[in-house]
Amino acid sequence: MNARSKSNLVLAKLFLSAIAMIGGLVWFMDKSQAEQSTPIAASSRPALTVRITTLHQDKWARTLTANGSILPWQEAIITAQMQGVRIAEVKVSIGDKVHQGDVLMTLDNYINTGNSGAARAIQGQVVAPDDGVISAASANVGSMMQSGAELFRLIRKGRLEWRAELTAEELMLLRKDMPVKISVGENRTINGFVRAISPSVSAQTRYGYALISLQDSSGIIAGAFAHGTFDISGGKKSMQTLPQSAVMQRGSINYVLIVSEDNRAHERVVSVGQRIGDRIQIKQGLKANEPVIESGGAFLTDGDVVRVVKE
């Protein structure tokens, strides 16, 4: 092989090597671009399919809730006014309704008449001082009365009331004759109104109380637990609300997720108020018609892409 042929062979090998290197570089660049494009596509994939809602104008009454017990309005304690007299007959028992003047029990004893030396029986009576219901009876036939001993207790007029336990701040929101709805027993609601408000609170518990007259206490047992709602607004007022599922909490902060024009979820801090049913009042932080994710926000983070379901 002459020198010229050898030179052509070397050039051909160099040419083929260059083509191989260029091909490998192109393959590497294409692969690199493909790998870089994959996370970009993933980041734009919707994280969740959501429904959106907006602020709704509702009319609610401003309310205050409290717990407490059902108690007698007034309870008369009937005691013995003499001693050494035997109880002859007890005519009533607990739960009995009585009228003023009804005989509750009779008394008898034997006394010496004096000159004749004969003994004769005298009989006395204990009567109800008012209309009402006997709530306790400790008198027993045949026992001797002791002065001042309790014989009966009488719930005057059979009237009960609700004693609501409240803080000082809550008590200052109440007014006499304010309407109240009391829930007691199984699904029973009774209307009432504020009769009296305590002027102080306990130094130990920091609670005071309000006494609520009940319009109908029939069938209610004294001592029963009850839950009540005070209408402190004097009527219904207009306010903006969202479903409670749309509002989330992180520490002491309440927030919602709004959906931007590019379908991304963004956190928005809001100020909340009353909760009634499945709705919650939004005081500040949102404008009318701003799209808010109705539920499922706990599974999203700020900036996630979402797919909005059209109603």
Protein backbone atom coordinates (compact mmCIF):
# COMPACT_ATOMS: atom_id res chain seq x y z
CA MET A 1 0.00 0.00 0.00
CA ASN A 2 1.43 3.34 -0.99
CA ALA A 3 1.62 6.42 1.21
CA ARG A 4 -1.40 8.06 -0.32
CA SER A 5 -3.65 5.04 0.35
CA LYS A 6 -2.50 4.92 3.97
CA SER A 7 -3.34 8.61 4.38
CA ASN A 8 -6.86 8.11 2.99
CA LEU A 9 -7.43 5.18 5.35
CA VAL A 10 -6.46 7.26 8.40
CA LEU A 11 -8.78 10.08 7.33
CA ALA A 12 -11.65 7.62 6.89
CA LYS A 13 -11.14 6.23 10.41
CA LEU A 14 -11.04 9.71 11.91
CA PHE A 15 -14.23 10.63 10.03
CA LEU A 16 -16.08 7.55 11.34
CA SER A 17 -14.91 8.25 14.91
CA ALA A 18 -16.20 11.83 14.70
CA ILE A 19 -19.59 10.64 13.47
CA ALA A 20 -19.82 8.15 16.39
CA MET A 21 -18.93 10.84 18.94
CA ILE A 22 -21.50 13.28 17.50
CA GLY A 23 -24.19 10.53 17.59
CA GLY A 24 -23.43 9.74 21.22
CA LEU A 25 -23.54 13.40 22.18
CA VAL A 26 -26.91 13.87 20.49
CA TRP A 27 -28.28 10.77 22.28
CA PHE A 28 -27.00 12.04 25.64
CA MET A 29 -28.52 15.49 25.10
CA ASP A 30 -31.89 14.02 24.07
CA LYS A 31 -31.92 11.77 27.14
CA SER A 32 -30.95 14.64 29.42
CA GLN A 33 -33.72 16.86 28.02
CA ALA A 34 -36.26 14.06 28.43
CA GLU A 35 -35.26 13.55 32.07
CA GLN A 36 -35.53 17.27 32.78
CA SER A 37 -38.95 17.51 31.14
CA THR A 38 -40.43 14.69 33.28
CA PRO A 39 -40.58 16.54 36.67
CA ILE A 40 -41.94 19.64 34.98
CA ALA A 41 -44.84 17.64 33.57
CA ALA A 42 -45.42 15.96 36.95
CA SER A 43 -45.52 19.27 38.78
CA SER A 44 -48.34 20.51 36.59
CA ARG A 45 -50.43 17.36 37.10
CA PRO A 46 -53.53 18.07 39.29
CA ALA A 47 -53.04 16.90 42.90
CA LEU A 48 -56.79 16.61 43.62
CA THR A 49 -60.18 17.05 42.00
CA VAL A 50 -62.16 19.60 44.03
CA ARG A 51 -65.45 21.42 44.22
CA ILE A 52 -65.46 25.12 44.91
CA THR A 53 -67.82 27.33 46.86
CA THR A 54 -68.16 31.05 47.58
CA LEU A 55 -69.34 33.22 50.44
CA HIS A 56 -73.08 32.95 51.05
CA GLN A 57 -75.24 35.62 52.66
CA ASP A 58 -77.18 34.15 55.61
CA LYS A 59 -79.36 35.62 58.35
CA TRP A 60 -78.53 34.35 61.80
CA ALA A 61 -79.26 35.40 65.34
CA ARG A 62 -76.19 36.01 67.51
CA THR A 63 -76.33 33.37 70.20
CA LEU A 64 -74.65 32.31 73.44
CA THR A 65 -74.74 28.72 74.72
CA ALA A 66 -74.44 27.41 78.26
CA ASN A 67 -74.98 24.31 80.41
CA GLY A 68 -76.71 23.95 83.75
CA SER A 69 -79.29 22.09 85.82
CA ILE A 70 -83.07 22.18 86.21
CA LEU A 71 -83.97 23.30 89.74
CA PRO A 72 -87.15 24.14 91.69
CA TRP A 73 -88.23 27.77 91.40
CA GLN A 74 -88.84 27.80 95.17
CA GLU A 75 -88.89 24.87 97.57
CA ALA A 76 -90.85 25.17 100.84
CA ILE A 77 -89.57 23.13 103.79
CA ILE A 78 -92.40 22.02 106.10
CA THR A 79 -91.19 21.34 109.66
CA ALA A 80 -92.68 20.25 112.98
CA GLN A 81 -93.88 23.13 115.18
CA MET A 82 -94.20 21.04 118.36
CA GLN A 83 -92.62 17.95 119.87
CA GLY A 84 -93.83 14.87 121.68
CA VAL A 85 -96.84 14.47 119.40
CA ARG A 86 -97.33 11.20 117.53
CA ILE A 87 -97.89 11.14 113.77
CA ALA A 88 -101.19 9.36 113.21
CA GLU A 89 -101.46 9.31 109.41
CA VAL A 90 -99.37 10.51 106.44
CA LYS A 91 -101.63 11.34 103.50
CA VAL A 92 -99.11 12.27 100.77
CA SER A 93 -95.94 10.93 99.21
CA ILE A 94 -93.22 12.31 96.92
CA GLY A 95 -94.49 13.35 93.52
CA ASP A 96 -98.02 14.09 94.73
CA LYS A 97 -99.62 17.35 93.63
CA VAL A 98 -101.31 19.25 96.43
CA HIS A 99 -103.30 22.46 96.82
CA GLN A 100 -102.93 25.07 99.50
CA GLY A 101 -104.73 23.85 102.66
CA ASP A 102 -104.67 20.15 101.75
CA VAL A 103 -103.97 17.91 104.74
CA LEU A 104 -100.52 16.38 104.50
CA MET A 105 -100.66 14.40 107.75
CA THR A 106 -102.64 14.11 111.00
CA LEU A 107 -101.41 14.06 114.63
CA ASP A 108 -102.82 12.63 117.82
CA ASN A 109 -101.90 12.46 121.50
CA TYR A 110 -103.53 11.84 124.87
CA ILE A 111 -103.64 14.54 127.47
CA ASN A 112 -104.96 14.60 131.00
CA THR A 113 -108.14 16.66 131.34
CA GLY A 114 -107.38 17.62 134.94
CA ASN A 115 -110.18 17.29 137.50
CA SER A 116 -111.81 14.14 136.13
CA GLY A 117 -108.48 12.39 135.74
CA ALA A 118 -109.69 11.01 132.41
CA ALA A 119 -107.64 11.17 129.29
CA ARG A 120 -108.98 12.26 125.95
CA ALA A 121 -107.50 12.20 122.46
CA ILE A 122 -106.83 15.36 120.55
CA GLN A 123 -105.98 15.50 116.87
CA GLY A 124 -104.01 18.04 114.85
CA GLN A 125 -103.19 18.47 111.18
CA VAL A 126 -100.28 19.63 109.02
CA VAL A 127 -101.48 21.31 105.80
CA ALA A 128 -99.86 22.45 102.57
CA PRO A 129 -98.82 26.13 102.68
CA ASP A 130 -99.18 26.52 98.89
CA ASP A 131 -100.02 24.69 95.69
CA GLY A 132 -97.20 22.49 94.47
CA VAL A 133 -95.56 19.07 94.23
CA ILE A 134 -94.18 17.09 97.17
CA SER A 135 -90.47 16.63 96.45
CA ALA A 136 -89.45 14.96 99.74
CA ALA A 137 -91.35 13.24 102.57
CA SER A 138 -89.62 12.12 105.76
CA ALA A 139 -92.67 11.85 108.07
CA ASN A 140 -93.47 8.29 109.26
CA VAL A 141 -96.65 7.02 110.90
CA GLY A 142 -96.25 6.32 114.62
CA SER A 143 -93.10 8.39 115.11
CA MET A 144 -92.95 11.26 117.58
CA MET A 145 -92.35 14.70 116.16
CA GLN A 146 -89.31 16.70 117.17
CA SER A 147 -89.50 20.47 117.07
CA GLY A 148 -87.90 21.87 113.92
CA ALA A 149 -87.55 18.46 112.22
CA GLU A 150 -88.21 18.43 108.47
CA LEU A 151 -91.39 16.60 107.49
CA PHE A 152 -91.92 17.48 103.82
CA ARG A 153 -90.51 19.56 100.98
CA LEU A 154 -92.83 21.24 98.51
CA ILE A 155 -91.91 22.63 95.07
CA ARG A 156 -94.11 25.72 95.05
CA LYS A 157 -96.57 25.86 92.15
CA GLY A 158 -94.76 22.80 90.76
CA ARG A 159 -92.61 25.35 88.97
CA LEU A 160 -89.09 24.57 87.77
CA GLU A 161 -86.41 26.77 86.23
CA TRP A 162 -83.03 26.38 84.57
CA ARG A 163 -79.86 27.58 86.29
CA ALA A 164 -77.30 28.35 83.55
CA GLU A 165 -73.60 28.47 84.49
CA LEU A 166 -71.81 31.40 82.77
CA THR A 167 -68.58 33.40 82.93
CA ALA A 168 -68.56 37.07 83.95
CA GLU A 169 -68.09 38.14 80.31
CA GLU A 170 -71.07 36.05 79.23
CA LEU A 171 -73.27 37.29 82.08
CA MET A 172 -72.65 40.88 80.97
CA LEU A 173 -74.22 40.06 77.58
CA LEU A 174 -77.52 38.98 79.15
CA ARG A 175 -80.60 41.06 79.88
CA LYS A 176 -83.74 40.27 81.84
CA ASP A 177 -86.56 38.78 79.74
CA MET A 178 -84.09 37.76 76.98
CA PRO A 179 -85.44 34.69 75.11
CA VAL A 180 -83.79 31.31 75.67
CA LYS A 181 -84.26 27.85 74.17
CA ILE A 182 -83.47 24.98 76.53
CA SER A 183 -82.75 21.41 75.38
CA VAL A 184 -83.43 18.71 77.97
CA GLY A 185 -84.06 14.98 77.79
CA GLU A 186 -84.49 13.31 74.44
CA ASN A 187 -85.01 15.93 71.75
CA ARG A 188 -87.21 18.17 73.91
CA THR A 189 -86.84 21.93 73.56
CA ILE A 190 -88.50 24.37 75.96
CA ASN A 191 -88.88 28.12 75.50
CA GLY A 192 -87.89 30.32 78.40
CA PHE A 193 -86.72 33.79 79.37
CA VAL A 194 -84.09 35.25 81.69
CA ARG A 195 -85.62 35.86 85.13
CA ALA A 196 -82.54 36.86 87.11
CA ILE A 197 -78.79 37.34 86.60
CA SER A 198 -76.25 36.87 89.38
CA PRO A 199 -74.30 40.07 90.13
CA SER A 200 -71.05 38.20 90.88
CA VAL A 201 -69.11 35.04 90.04
CA SER A 202 -67.48 32.46 92.28
CA ALA A 203 -63.89 33.26 93.21
CA GLN A 204 -63.05 29.55 92.93
CA THR A 205 -64.78 28.54 89.66
CA ARG A 206 -65.00 32.01 88.01
CA TYR A 207 -68.59 31.16 87.06
CA GLY A 208 -71.86 32.84 87.94
CA TYR A 209 -75.40 31.95 86.94
CA ALA A 210 -78.59 33.11 85.30
CA LEU A 211 -82.04 31.83 86.28
CA ILE A 212 -84.32 31.00 83.37
CA SER A 213 -88.10 30.70 83.76
CA LEU A 214 -89.55 27.81 81.74
CA GLN A 215 -92.82 28.21 79.87
CA ASP A 216 -93.66 24.52 80.31
CA SER A 217 -91.81 22.35 82.83
CA SER A 218 -94.30 19.46 82.85
CA GLY A 219 -92.61 16.08 82.80
CA ILE A 220 -89.20 17.56 83.67
CA ILE A 221 -87.31 16.24 86.70
CA ALA A 222 -85.54 18.63 89.07
CA GLY A 223 -81.79 18.06 88.92
CA ALA A 224 -81.78 17.12 85.21
CA PHE A 225 -78.93 18.45 83.06
CA ALA A 226 -79.90 20.92 80.32
CA HIS A 227 -78.22 22.84 77.51
CA GLY A 228 -79.51 26.25 76.46
CA THR A 229 -79.08 28.92 73.80
CA PHE A 230 -79.55 32.63 74.48
CA ASP A 231 -80.54 35.00 71.66
CA ILE A 232 -78.27 37.96 72.45
CA SER A 233 -78.71 39.77 69.12
CA GLY A 234 -82.35 40.73 69.54
CA GLY A 235 -83.18 39.26 66.12
CA LYS A 236 -81.56 37.84 62.99
CA LYS A 237 -78.67 39.68 61.36
CA SER A 238 -77.07 39.26 57.94
CA MET A 239 -73.65 37.62 57.79
CA GLN A 240 -71.40 35.85 55.27
CA THR A 241 -70.81 32.12 55.70
CA LEU A 242 -69.00 29.11 54.23
CA PRO A 243 -69.40 25.37 54.79
CA GLN A 244 -67.40 24.35 57.86
CA SER A 245 -65.56 21.79 55.71
CA ALA A 246 -63.95 24.68 53.77
CA VAL A 247 -62.27 26.17 56.86
CA MET A 248 -59.15 24.59 58.35
CA GLN A 249 -57.13 25.40 61.43
CA ARG A 250 -53.40 25.45 62.12
CA GLY A 251 -52.74 26.33 65.73
CA SER A 252 -54.81 29.45 66.43
CA ILE A 253 -55.02 30.42 62.74
CA ASN A 254 -58.05 29.69 60.57
CA TYR A 255 -57.55 29.54 56.83
CA VAL A 256 -59.16 28.49 53.54
CA LEU A 257 -57.74 27.49 50.15
CA ILE A 258 -58.72 29.71 47.25
CA VAL A 259 -58.26 28.66 43.60
CA SER A 260 -56.34 31.06 41.34
CA GLU A 261 -56.89 31.53 37.61
CA ASP A 262 -54.16 28.98 36.83
CA ASN A 263 -56.00 26.39 39.00
CA ARG A 264 -53.54 26.49 41.87
CA ALA A 265 -54.58 26.32 45.52
CA HIS A 266 -53.41 29.18 47.75
CA GLU A 267 -53.85 29.58 51.50
CA ARG A 268 -55.83 32.57 52.76
CA VAL A 269 -56.10 33.44 56.49
CA VAL A 270 -59.66 34.26 57.57
CA SER A 271 -61.39 35.48 60.72
CA VAL A 272 -64.34 33.31 61.78
CA GLY A 273 -67.37 33.83 64.01
CA GLN A 274 -70.44 31.78 64.85
CA ARG A 275 -71.03 28.19 63.82
CA ILE A 276 -74.56 26.98 63.12
CA GLY A 277 -75.19 23.54 61.70
CA ASP A 278 -72.63 22.89 58.96
CA ARG A 279 -72.01 26.60 58.28
CA ILE A 280 -69.46 29.02 59.77
CA GLN A 281 -69.41 32.80 59.74
CA ILE A 282 -66.50 34.47 57.88
CA LYS A 283 -65.82 37.91 59.33
CA GLN A 284 -62.73 38.92 57.37
CA GLY A 285 -60.28 37.63 54.76
CA LEU A 286 -62.47 36.84 51.74
CA LYS A 287 -64.19 38.83 49.04
CA ALA A 288 -67.50 37.98 47.44
CA ASN A 289 -67.32 35.37 44.65
CA GLU A 290 -63.73 34.30 45.42
CA PRO A 291 -63.55 30.55 44.65
CA VAL A 292 -62.85 28.52 47.79
CA ILE A 293 -62.16 24.78 47.91
CA GLU A 294 -65.20 23.27 49.63
CA SER A 295 -63.57 20.17 51.15
CA GLY A 296 -60.40 18.11 51.03
CA GLY A 297 -58.10 21.06 51.65
CA ALA A 298 -56.20 19.08 54.29
CA PHE A 299 -54.69 16.95 51.49
CA LEU A 300 -53.32 19.97 49.61
CA THR A 301 -50.41 22.32 50.12
CA ASP A 302 -50.03 25.90 48.99
CA GLY A 303 -49.37 26.03 45.24
CA ASP A 304 -50.79 22.59 44.33
CA VAL A 305 -52.56 22.35 40.99
CA VAL A 306 -56.19 21.20 41.29
CA ARG A 307 -58.88 20.12 38.86
CA VAL A 308 -62.14 22.01 39.50
CA VAL A 309 -65.38 20.07 39.07
CA LYS A 310 -68.00 22.06 37.23
CA GLU A 311 -71.49 21.89 38.74
